[in-house]
Amino acid sequence: MRVLVIYCHPVPEGFCAALRDTAVATLTARGDEVRLVDLYAEEFDPVMRPDERRRYNDGPPADPSLRPYVEHLKWAEAVLFVYPTWWYGLPAVLKGWFDRVWATGVVFDLAPQGGIVSRISHIRRIGIVTTCGATRFLSLLIGQPGRKTILRGIRALCAPRTRTLYLAHYDMDRSTPASRTAYLERVKRKLARF
């Protein structure tokens, strides 16, 4: 399977980097072809400018810096997101990546009668590997907006029976070496069957 790993964290030596490395190694070991996109290392610009927004419904983005990301989406059969959950949602850079790359003429077209028509029905799996500073209870109470954005909103554009995976290390602010090691092992086990 062709798996696109989207990684989003500004600190190269943090725990999310260990999650990224574990994910890539596990997917590669099972025979998947993996492409890694590191949004911070690539200095992805998440800001949609006024002219870009004005042309948003006219077709694919004109900014040439977005073309490699568009090509990655065309190539992928699965997308795995590795990021920290901040304020119960997605990091701003990742949200900006969705705003700018998951655009008209790339992942969907506007139907003449209304609604949208998917252009990414070749994507059959969507997964999330994340950390959350809050507890599981508090995250559920707030409604897990980041999880819903990807596993409901983004998934709706993919193949009709797209499989999903959600893995979170809750209460990260009080994590321990043992809890982080256990989470890395869980990520390995789950991704081996992703």
Protein backbone atom coordinates (compact mmCIF):
# COMPACT_ATOMS: atom_id res chain seq x y z
CA MET A 1 0.00 0.00 0.00
CA ARG A 2 1.15 3.57 -0.70
CA VAL A 3 1.03 5.45 2.61
CA LEU A 4 1.47 9.19 2.93
CA VAL A 5 2.62 10.15 6.43
CA ILE A 6 1.91 13.76 7.32
CA TYR A 7 3.99 14.83 10.29
CA CYS A 8 3.45 18.11 12.11
CA HIS A 9 5.54 19.14 15.10
CA PRO A 10 8.04 21.99 15.46
CA VAL A 11 10.46 20.23 17.84
CA PRO A 12 12.65 17.71 15.99
CA GLU A 13 13.73 15.82 19.13
CA GLY A 14 10.31 15.52 20.83
CA PHE A 15 8.16 12.49 21.52
CA CYS A 16 6.13 13.11 18.35
CA ALA A 17 9.34 12.52 16.39
CA ALA A 18 9.59 9.10 18.04
CA LEU A 19 5.99 8.44 17.01
CA ARG A 20 6.79 9.48 13.43
CA ASP A 21 9.86 7.25 13.30
CA THR A 22 7.95 4.29 14.78
CA ALA A 23 5.13 4.76 12.28
CA VAL A 24 7.43 4.98 9.26
CA ALA A 25 9.52 1.99 10.40
CA THR A 26 6.44 -0.15 11.10
CA LEU A 27 4.77 0.64 7.78
CA THR A 28 8.00 0.09 5.84
CA ALA A 29 8.65 -3.22 7.62
CA ARG A 30 5.26 -4.55 6.56
CA GLY A 31 6.07 -3.74 2.94
CA ASP A 32 4.27 -0.46 2.41
CA GLU A 33 5.70 2.25 0.21
CA VAL A 34 5.92 5.30 2.48
CA ARG A 35 6.29 8.99 1.73
CA LEU A 36 6.94 11.32 4.66
CA VAL A 37 5.91 14.97 4.62
CA ASP A 38 7.29 16.98 7.55
CA LEU A 39 5.34 20.24 7.45
CA TYR A 40 7.58 22.14 9.86
CA ALA A 41 10.88 20.93 8.38
CA GLU A 42 9.59 21.84 4.91
CA GLU A 43 8.50 25.24 6.26
CA PHE A 44 5.02 24.81 4.86
CA ASP A 45 3.20 28.15 4.74
CA PRO A 46 -0.28 27.58 6.21
CA VAL A 47 -1.57 31.07 5.43
CA MET A 48 -4.15 31.38 2.68
CA ARG A 49 -3.79 34.80 1.07
CA PRO A 50 -6.81 36.86 -0.11
CA ASP A 51 -6.25 36.18 -3.83
CA GLU A 52 -5.88 32.45 -3.17
CA ARG A 53 -9.23 32.44 -1.36
CA ARG A 54 -10.90 34.48 -4.09
CA ARG A 55 -9.89 31.82 -6.67
CA TYR A 56 -10.53 28.85 -4.37
CA ASN A 57 -13.69 27.63 -6.13
CA ASP A 58 -12.25 28.11 -9.63
CA GLY A 59 -9.92 25.09 -9.64
CA PRO A 60 -6.67 23.76 -8.21
CA PRO A 61 -4.42 26.17 -6.29
CA ALA A 62 -2.11 28.20 -8.53
CA ASP A 63 0.71 28.41 -5.97
CA PRO A 64 3.53 26.21 -7.35
CA SER A 65 4.76 25.43 -3.81
CA LEU A 66 1.59 23.35 -3.29
CA ARG A 67 2.10 21.06 -6.30
CA PRO A 68 4.26 18.45 -4.50
CA TYR A 69 1.59 18.08 -1.81
CA VAL A 70 -1.11 17.66 -4.45
CA GLU A 71 0.99 14.98 -6.17
CA HIS A 72 1.43 13.16 -2.85
CA LEU A 73 -2.36 13.03 -2.41
CA LYS A 74 -2.84 11.69 -5.93
CA TRP A 75 -0.26 8.97 -5.20
CA ALA A 76 -1.54 7.88 -1.76
CA GLU A 77 -3.85 5.00 -0.96
CA ALA A 78 -3.67 5.76 2.76
CA VAL A 79 -2.85 8.84 4.82
CA LEU A 80 -1.49 8.75 8.36
CA PHE A 81 -1.34 11.94 10.40
CA VAL A 82 1.17 12.23 13.25
CA TYR A 83 0.75 15.39 15.31
CA PRO A 84 0.17 16.76 18.82
CA THR A 85 -3.36 17.72 19.78
CA TRP A 86 -3.22 21.33 20.94
CA TRP A 87 -6.27 23.04 22.44
CA TYR A 88 -8.22 19.88 21.53
CA GLY A 89 -7.58 20.35 17.84
CA LEU A 90 -5.06 20.36 15.04
CA PRO A 91 -1.87 22.41 15.06
CA ALA A 92 -2.32 25.57 12.96
CA VAL A 93 0.20 24.41 10.34
CA LEU A 94 -1.74 21.19 9.76
CA LYS A 95 -5.07 23.04 9.58
CA GLY A 96 -3.51 25.43 7.06
CA TRP A 97 -2.26 22.46 5.03
CA PHE A 98 -5.85 21.20 4.80
CA ASP A 99 -7.12 24.66 3.90
CA ARG A 100 -4.60 25.17 1.12
CA VAL A 101 -3.99 21.66 -0.28
CA TRP A 102 -7.31 19.84 0.18
CA ALA A 103 -8.86 22.25 -2.29
CA THR A 104 -11.27 22.45 -5.19
CA GLY A 105 -9.86 20.58 -8.18
CA VAL A 106 -7.54 18.59 -5.91
CA VAL A 107 -9.68 16.55 -3.51
CA PHE A 108 -13.14 17.57 -4.70
CA ASP A 109 -15.08 19.36 -7.41
CA LEU A 110 -18.15 21.49 -6.97
CA ALA A 111 -21.16 19.73 -8.50
CA PRO A 112 -23.35 21.90 -10.77
CA GLN A 113 -26.47 20.84 -8.86
CA GLY A 114 -24.82 21.61 -5.51
CA GLY A 115 -22.62 19.67 -3.17
CA ILE A 116 -19.23 18.20 -3.93
CA VAL A 117 -17.80 15.27 -5.88
CA SER A 118 -14.73 13.51 -4.49
CA ARG A 119 -11.49 13.29 -6.43
CA ILE A 120 -9.73 11.11 -3.82
CA SER A 121 -11.79 7.93 -3.69
CA HIS A 122 -8.49 6.06 -4.17
CA ILE A 123 -7.65 6.80 -0.51
CA ARG A 124 -8.98 3.85 1.48
CA ARG A 125 -7.40 4.36 4.91
CA ILE A 126 -7.03 7.37 7.18
CA GLY A 127 -5.19 7.22 10.49
CA ILE A 128 -4.16 9.49 13.34
CA VAL A 129 -1.34 9.05 15.85
CA THR A 130 -1.46 11.89 18.34
CA THR A 131 -0.71 13.08 21.84
CA CYS A 132 -3.16 15.02 24.01
CA GLY A 133 -2.22 17.09 27.05
CA ALA A 134 -5.73 16.63 28.42
CA THR A 135 -7.13 13.45 29.89
CA ARG A 136 -9.29 11.12 27.84
CA PHE A 137 -12.36 12.20 29.82
CA LEU A 138 -11.79 15.91 29.20
CA SER A 139 -10.99 15.30 25.53
CA LEU A 140 -14.25 13.39 25.09
CA LEU A 141 -16.16 16.06 27.02
CA ILE A 142 -14.86 18.79 24.69
CA GLY A 143 -15.76 16.63 21.68
CA GLN A 144 -12.33 15.88 20.14
CA PRO A 145 -12.61 18.43 17.29
CA GLY A 146 -9.28 17.40 15.71
CA ARG A 147 -10.34 13.77 15.54
CA LYS A 148 -13.71 14.71 14.04
CA THR A 149 -12.15 17.02 11.45
CA ILE A 150 -10.04 14.19 10.03
CA LEU A 151 -12.01 11.01 10.71
CA ARG A 152 -15.39 12.47 9.78
CA GLY A 153 -14.86 15.52 7.58
CA ILE A 154 -11.75 14.50 5.65
CA ARG A 155 -12.76 10.82 5.56
CA ALA A 156 -16.05 11.75 3.87
CA LEU A 157 -14.07 12.69 0.74
CA CYS A 158 -12.25 9.34 0.57
CA ALA A 159 -13.44 5.91 -0.59
CA PRO A 160 -16.92 4.98 0.73
CA ARG A 161 -15.62 2.27 3.09
CA THR A 162 -12.44 3.99 4.19
CA ARG A 163 -11.00 2.34 7.28
CA THR A 164 -9.92 4.61 10.11
CA LEU A 165 -7.51 4.41 13.02
CA TYR A 166 -7.22 6.75 15.98
CA LEU A 167 -4.47 6.39 18.55
CA ALA A 168 -3.95 8.95 21.31
CA HIS A 169 -1.66 9.20 24.32
CA TYR A 170 -3.92 11.15 26.68
CA ASP A 171 -2.73 13.11 29.71
CA MET A 172 0.59 13.69 27.97
CA ASP A 173 1.43 16.51 30.36
CA ARG A 174 1.83 13.86 33.09
CA SER A 175 3.24 11.08 30.95
CA THR A 176 6.03 8.85 32.17
CA PRO A 177 8.77 6.93 30.36
CA ALA A 178 6.64 3.80 30.94
CA SER A 179 3.47 5.34 29.49
CA ARG A 180 5.34 6.64 26.44
CA THR A 181 7.03 3.27 25.85
CA ALA A 182 3.66 1.50 26.13
CA TYR A 183 2.14 3.94 23.64
CA LEU A 184 4.96 3.40 21.14
CA GLU A 185 4.36 -0.36 21.39
CA ARG A 186 0.63 0.16 20.84
CA VAL A 187 1.36 2.28 17.77
CA LYS A 188 3.56 -0.53 16.38
CA ARG A 189 0.88 -3.17 16.98
CA LYS A 190 -1.96 -1.15 15.48
CA LEU A 191 -0.03 0.08 12.46
CA ALA A 192 1.12 -3.46 11.69
CA ARG A 193 -2.58 -4.11 10.86
CA PHE A 194 -3.46 -0.65 9.45
